[in-house]
């Protein structure tokens, strides 16, 4: 039997290349929140997959943002850089048939000497014959350890990607227990699930001005009782989140509660509140209080 391997793999790329969907597909369970909007991911989420001969520690990072310049997005960009630099392997995720200046800017920031190009969304290519020329063109951008076309949505070629990644991980014992899926707790996922619903429900810009804080998380037998606050930046944003007669907030909270119950495997009571914290995306002190460092 081959020697056991274990290592960390950073998943990096510009926003909207499907990094979080890729993490979920590689781990085999939904850990990272997903929405059609760019840069939904704000925190480093580690997903662990353990097999007979390997433990993969995948790190989903925020998409590198060039259009937003506030303190929050500067912090997120630093997190992406650090994740790629500190990992044993970096997965540079691009969208099949699309490689532009934003992708190139991310690639230039990756200092890791083991970079695997993951060409995602191959299932969306209108002409499958266009894939090979695209791979040839991408290979000229950098000396990659490998180029692997996949579809995170359908699972196509995920097993091949795992095989390729394993070849570049160090020989060492597992770091996490074999049944552990992530380093994050239920409190973290409760906040992320609620934030996902904000991204999926609200308009284009408002979700980026929202944050979720879990005020209380208690287990009462089989019931999890959760109290959460949704922070917005301005008073004018508060009624948009709440909606007429509170209906918008009820829909958001109900959708989040159902997802929490599926993930936690039990009943959830979710109380939600909306509060204003002016300029939180630009205040370094507030960002540190919210867990951004």
Protein backbone atom coordinates (compact mmCIF):
# COMPACT_ATOMS: atom_id res chain seq x y z
CA UNK A 1 0.00 0.00 0.00
CA UNK A 2 1.28 3.48 -0.86
CA UNK A 3 2.41 5.85 1.89
CA UNK A 4 -0.25 8.01 3.55
CA UNK A 5 -0.34 11.63 2.44
CA UNK A 6 -1.85 14.66 4.10
CA UNK A 7 -1.77 18.35 3.33
CA UNK A 8 -3.61 21.62 2.85
CA UNK A 9 -4.99 22.75 -0.50
CA UNK A 10 -6.01 26.38 -1.01
CA UNK A 11 -8.81 27.07 -3.47
CA UNK A 12 -8.23 30.50 -5.03
CA UNK A 13 -9.42 32.52 -8.01
CA UNK A 14 -11.40 35.57 -8.97
CA UNK A 15 -15.02 35.87 -7.75
CA UNK A 16 -17.68 33.66 -9.34
CA UNK A 17 -15.46 30.88 -10.71
CA UNK A 18 -17.24 28.32 -8.51
CA UNK A 19 -14.67 27.91 -5.74
CA UNK A 20 -17.19 27.26 -2.99
CA UNK A 21 -19.12 24.79 -5.15
CA UNK A 22 -15.81 23.06 -5.85
CA UNK A 23 -15.05 22.78 -2.13
CA UNK A 24 -18.47 21.25 -1.51
CA UNK A 25 -17.95 18.78 -4.35
CA UNK A 26 -14.47 17.79 -3.20
CA UNK A 27 -15.58 17.20 0.39
CA UNK A 28 -18.87 15.60 -0.58
CA UNK A 29 -21.04 17.86 1.59
CA UNK A 30 -22.21 21.46 1.50
CA UNK A 31 -19.88 23.40 3.79
CA UNK A 32 -19.41 26.68 1.92
CA UNK A 33 -22.35 28.94 1.13
CA UNK A 34 -23.07 29.55 -2.54
CA UNK A 35 -24.87 32.31 -4.44
CA UNK A 36 -24.76 33.74 -7.97
CA UNK A 37 -23.29 36.97 -6.59
CA UNK A 38 -19.53 37.50 -6.60
CA UNK A 39 -17.48 37.14 -3.42
CA UNK A 40 -20.11 35.48 -1.26
CA UNK A 41 -17.28 33.82 0.70
CA UNK A 42 -15.75 35.98 3.44
CA UNK A 43 -14.15 33.49 5.81
CA UNK A 44 -11.63 30.72 5.30
CA UNK A 45 -13.57 27.46 5.43
CA UNK A 46 -11.64 24.21 5.79
CA UNK A 47 -13.23 21.07 4.42
CA UNK A 48 -11.62 17.73 5.24
CA UNK A 49 -11.84 14.57 3.16
CA UNK A 50 -10.13 11.44 4.44
CA UNK A 51 -9.58 8.27 2.41
CA UNK A 52 -7.56 5.11 3.07
CA UNK A 53 -4.34 6.67 1.80
CA UNK A 54 -4.85 10.45 2.05
CA UNK A 55 -6.31 13.30 4.06
CA UNK A 56 -7.15 16.38 1.99
CA UNK A 57 -7.58 19.65 3.89
CA UNK A 58 -9.23 22.03 1.44
CA UNK A 59 -9.31 25.75 2.25
CA UNK A 60 -11.97 27.82 0.49
CA UNK A 61 -10.89 31.47 0.32
CA UNK A 62 -12.67 34.70 -0.70
CA UNK A 63 -12.52 35.54 -4.39
CA UNK A 64 -9.86 38.17 -5.03
CA UNK A 65 -11.67 41.47 -5.50
CA UNK A 66 -10.35 44.29 -7.68
CA UNK A 67 -13.52 46.41 -7.95
CA UNK A 68 -14.28 47.05 -4.28
CA UNK A 69 -11.72 48.97 -2.22
CA UNK A 70 -13.24 49.19 1.27
CA UNK A 71 -11.54 47.85 4.40
CA UNK A 72 -13.60 44.65 4.34
CA UNK A 73 -12.51 43.69 0.84
CA UNK A 74 -8.89 44.61 1.49
CA UNK A 75 -9.03 42.19 4.42
CA UNK A 76 -10.61 39.48 2.26
CA UNK A 77 -7.90 39.89 -0.38
CA UNK A 78 -5.22 39.44 2.30
CA UNK A 79 -6.93 36.25 3.43
CA UNK A 80 -6.84 34.86 -0.10
CA UNK A 81 -3.15 35.67 -0.46
CA UNK A 82 -2.28 34.04 2.86
CA UNK A 83 -4.32 30.92 2.13
CA UNK A 84 -2.48 30.33 -1.16
CA UNK A 85 0.94 31.10 0.32
CA UNK A 86 0.61 28.81 3.35
CA UNK A 87 -0.93 25.79 1.61
CA UNK A 88 0.95 22.76 0.33
CA UNK A 89 -0.89 23.07 -2.99
CA UNK A 90 -2.91 25.90 -4.55
CA UNK A 91 -5.87 25.20 -6.82
CA UNK A 92 -6.23 28.13 -9.20
CA UNK A 93 -9.85 28.00 -10.35
CA UNK A 94 -10.86 29.55 -13.66
CA UNK A 95 -14.04 29.38 -15.68
CA UNK A 96 -13.88 27.25 -18.83
CA UNK A 97 -13.53 29.46 -21.89
CA UNK A 98 -12.92 32.61 -19.90
CA UNK A 99 -9.55 33.98 -18.78
CA UNK A 100 -9.18 37.71 -18.39
CA UNK A 101 -7.28 40.41 -16.56
CA UNK A 102 -8.91 39.59 -13.20
CA UNK A 103 -7.83 35.95 -13.49
CA UNK A 104 -4.32 36.99 -14.47
CA UNK A 105 -4.12 39.38 -11.50
CA UNK A 106 -4.99 36.56 -9.11
CA UNK A 107 -2.52 34.18 -10.73
CA UNK A 108 0.29 36.71 -10.40
CA UNK A 109 -0.36 36.98 -6.65
CA UNK A 110 0.01 33.23 -6.02
CA UNK A 111 3.53 32.61 -4.70
CA UNK A 112 3.04 28.89 -4.07
CA UNK A 113 5.33 26.79 -6.28
CA UNK A 114 2.72 24.00 -6.60
CA UNK A 115 -0.25 25.40 -8.52
CA UNK A 116 -2.84 23.21 -10.21
CA UNK A 117 -5.12 24.97 -12.70
CA UNK A 118 -8.71 23.79 -12.25
CA UNK A 119 -10.87 24.68 -15.24
CA UNK A 120 -14.39 24.68 -13.82
CA UNK A 121 -17.84 24.82 -15.44
CA UNK A 122 -16.87 22.68 -18.44
CA UNK A 123 -20.51 21.56 -18.56
CA UNK A 124 -21.46 25.10 -19.60
CA UNK A 125 -19.23 25.26 -22.65
CA UNK A 126 -21.38 25.67 -25.73
CA UNK A 127 -18.75 23.98 -27.87
CA UNK A 128 -16.82 21.14 -26.20
CA UNK A 129 -14.17 21.42 -28.92
CA UNK A 130 -13.17 24.81 -27.50
CA UNK A 131 -11.82 23.22 -24.31
CA UNK A 132 -8.49 21.97 -25.70
CA UNK A 133 -7.46 25.33 -27.25
CA UNK A 134 -8.42 27.02 -23.98
CA UNK A 135 -6.24 24.58 -21.98
CA UNK A 136 -3.34 25.18 -24.37
CA UNK A 137 -3.69 28.93 -23.97
CA UNK A 138 -3.93 28.69 -20.18
CA UNK A 139 -0.80 26.53 -20.02
CA UNK A 140 1.19 29.42 -21.47
CA UNK A 141 0.30 31.70 -18.54
CA UNK A 142 2.38 29.75 -16.03
CA UNK A 143 4.14 26.44 -15.49
CA UNK A 144 1.32 24.62 -13.70
CA UNK A 145 1.80 21.34 -11.85
CA UNK A 146 -1.27 20.14 -13.76
CA UNK A 147 -4.37 21.36 -15.59
CA UNK A 148 -7.61 19.58 -14.74
CA UNK A 149 -10.99 20.38 -16.34
CA UNK A 150 -13.96 19.74 -14.01
CA UNK A 151 -17.57 20.56 -13.34
CA UNK A 152 -18.20 21.24 -9.66
CA UNK A 153 -21.94 21.32 -10.38
CA UNK A 154 -22.16 17.86 -11.94
CA UNK A 155 -19.15 16.25 -10.25
CA UNK A 156 -17.42 15.56 -13.56
CA UNK A 157 -13.70 14.75 -13.15
CA UNK A 158 -13.68 15.44 -9.39
CA UNK A 159 -12.11 12.01 -8.75
CA UNK A 160 -9.34 12.80 -11.24
CA UNK A 161 -8.67 16.10 -9.51
CA UNK A 162 -8.37 14.31 -6.15
CA UNK A 163 -5.91 11.86 -7.69
CA UNK A 164 -3.77 14.67 -9.11
CA UNK A 165 -3.82 16.67 -5.88
CA UNK A 166 -2.74 13.65 -3.82
CA UNK A 167 0.44 13.31 -5.90
CA UNK A 168 1.58 16.74 -4.68
CA UNK A 169 0.81 16.39 -0.97
CA UNK A 170 3.53 15.52 1.57
CA UNK A 171 3.84 12.07 3.12
CA UNK A 172 2.71 12.49 6.72
CA UNK A 173 0.00 11.25 9.11
CA UNK A 174 -3.52 12.67 9.17
CA UNK A 175 -4.01 15.91 11.09
CA UNK A 176 -7.74 15.57 11.73
CA UNK A 177 -9.78 12.54 12.89
CA UNK A 178 -11.05 10.52 9.91
CA UNK A 179 -14.70 11.44 10.52
CA UNK A 180 -14.14 15.21 10.85
CA UNK A 181 -15.45 17.28 7.93
CA UNK A 182 -14.45 20.81 8.93
CA UNK A 183 -12.72 22.93 11.56
CA UNK A 184 -15.76 25.18 11.94
CA UNK A 185 -18.54 24.76 14.53
CA UNK A 186 -22.35 24.90 14.20
CA UNK A 187 -22.45 28.51 15.39
CA UNK A 188 -20.30 29.53 12.40
CA UNK A 189 -22.47 27.62 9.93
CA UNK A 190 -25.65 29.12 11.37
CA UNK A 191 -24.33 32.60 10.57
CA UNK A 192 -23.16 31.56 7.11
CA UNK A 193 -26.47 29.95 6.19
CA UNK A 194 -28.39 33.07 7.18
CA UNK A 195 -25.94 35.24 5.24
CA UNK A 196 -26.37 33.02 2.17
CA UNK A 197 -30.12 33.72 2.23
CA UNK A 198 -29.42 37.46 2.34
CA UNK A 199 -27.23 37.13 -0.76
CA UNK A 200 -29.87 35.08 -2.56
CA UNK A 201 -32.82 37.29 -1.61
CA UNK A 202 -31.65 40.90 -1.61
CA UNK A 203 -30.59 43.16 -4.50
CA UNK A 204 -27.18 43.44 -6.09
CA UNK A 205 -25.32 45.67 -3.63
CA UNK A 206 -27.13 45.38 -0.28
CA UNK A 207 -25.83 41.88 0.66
CA UNK A 208 -22.28 43.26 0.67
CA UNK A 209 -23.40 45.76 3.31
CA UNK A 210 -24.88 43.07 5.55
CA UNK A 211 -23.24 40.92 8.20
CA UNK A 212 -24.66 38.26 10.51
CA UNK A 213 -23.80 37.97 14.19
CA UNK A 214 -24.95 35.00 16.28
CA UNK A 215 -25.93 36.48 19.64
CA UNK A 216 -26.94 33.21 21.27
CA UNK A 217 -26.68 29.51 20.35
CA UNK A 218 -28.18 27.09 22.89
CA UNK A 219 -28.97 23.39 22.69
CA UNK A 220 -32.10 22.47 24.59
CA UNK A 221 -32.40 18.72 24.17
CA UNK A 222 -32.99 18.08 20.47
CA UNK A 223 -33.74 21.76 19.83
CA UNK A 224 -31.17 24.40 18.88
CA UNK A 225 -32.29 27.87 19.93
CA UNK A 226 -30.48 30.53 17.90
CA UNK A 227 -30.73 34.31 18.15
CA UNK A 228 -29.08 36.24 15.30
CA UNK A 229 -28.60 39.89 14.36
CA UNK A 230 -28.33 41.09 10.77
CA UNK A 231 -26.17 44.21 10.61
CA UNK A 232 -26.67 46.84 7.92
CA UNK A 233 -24.78 50.09 7.34
CA UNK A 234 -27.61 52.62 6.98
CA UNK A 235 -31.10 53.18 8.37
CA UNK A 236 -32.48 53.18 4.82
CA UNK A 237 -31.29 49.56 4.39
CA UNK A 238 -33.11 48.24 7.43
CA UNK A 239 -36.68 48.35 5.99
CA UNK A 240 -35.45 46.68 2.80
CA UNK A 241 -34.21 43.66 4.74
CA UNK A 242 -37.34 43.55 6.92
CA UNK A 243 -39.85 44.14 4.10
CA UNK A 244 -43.51 45.12 4.32
CA UNK A 245 -44.99 43.88 7.63
CA UNK A 246 -41.77 41.92 8.19
CA UNK A 247 -42.52 39.46 5.36
CA UNK A 248 -39.09 39.68 3.71
CA UNK A 249 -37.27 38.91 6.94
CA UNK A 250 -39.67 36.05 7.69
CA UNK A 251 -38.93 34.46 4.30
CA UNK A 252 -35.16 34.84 4.78
CA UNK A 253 -35.27 33.41 8.30
CA UNK A 254 -37.56 30.51 7.32
CA UNK A 255 -35.30 29.48 4.44
CA UNK A 256 -32.25 29.69 6.71
CA UNK A 257 -33.94 27.68 9.47
CA UNK A 258 -34.83 24.85 7.08
CA UNK A 259 -31.22 24.62 5.87
CA UNK A 260 -29.93 24.65 9.45
CA UNK A 261 -32.27 21.80 10.38
CA UNK A 262 -31.01 19.75 7.45
CA UNK A 263 -27.37 20.41 8.34
CA UNK A 264 -27.70 19.97 12.11
CA UNK A 265 -30.11 17.06 11.93
CA UNK A 266 -32.65 18.50 14.38
CA UNK A 267 -35.21 21.20 15.06
CA UNK A 268 -34.09 24.84 15.10
CA UNK A 269 -35.70 27.94 16.55
CA UNK A 270 -34.27 31.00 14.81
CA UNK A 271 -34.90 34.52 16.05
CA UNK A 272 -33.63 37.32 13.80
CA UNK A 273 -33.18 41.06 14.33
CA UNK A 274 -31.94 43.83 12.06
CA UNK A 275 -29.69 46.56 13.46
CA UNK A 276 -27.69 49.44 11.99
CA UNK A 277 -23.94 49.63 12.52
CA UNK A 278 -22.80 52.59 10.45
CA UNK A 279 -19.80 52.13 8.18
CA UNK A 280 -18.87 48.67 9.43
CA UNK A 281 -17.25 47.70 6.10
CA UNK A 282 -14.79 50.61 6.47
CA UNK A 283 -14.04 50.39 10.20
CA UNK A 284 -11.01 48.21 11.00
CA UNK A 285 -11.98 48.06 14.69
CA UNK A 286 -15.48 46.79 13.97
CA UNK A 287 -14.13 44.30 11.43
CA UNK A 288 -11.82 42.85 14.10
CA UNK A 289 -14.77 42.55 16.47
CA UNK A 290 -16.66 40.68 13.77
CA UNK A 291 -13.82 38.19 13.32
CA UNK A 292 -12.03 39.80 10.38
CA UNK A 293 -8.34 40.21 11.15
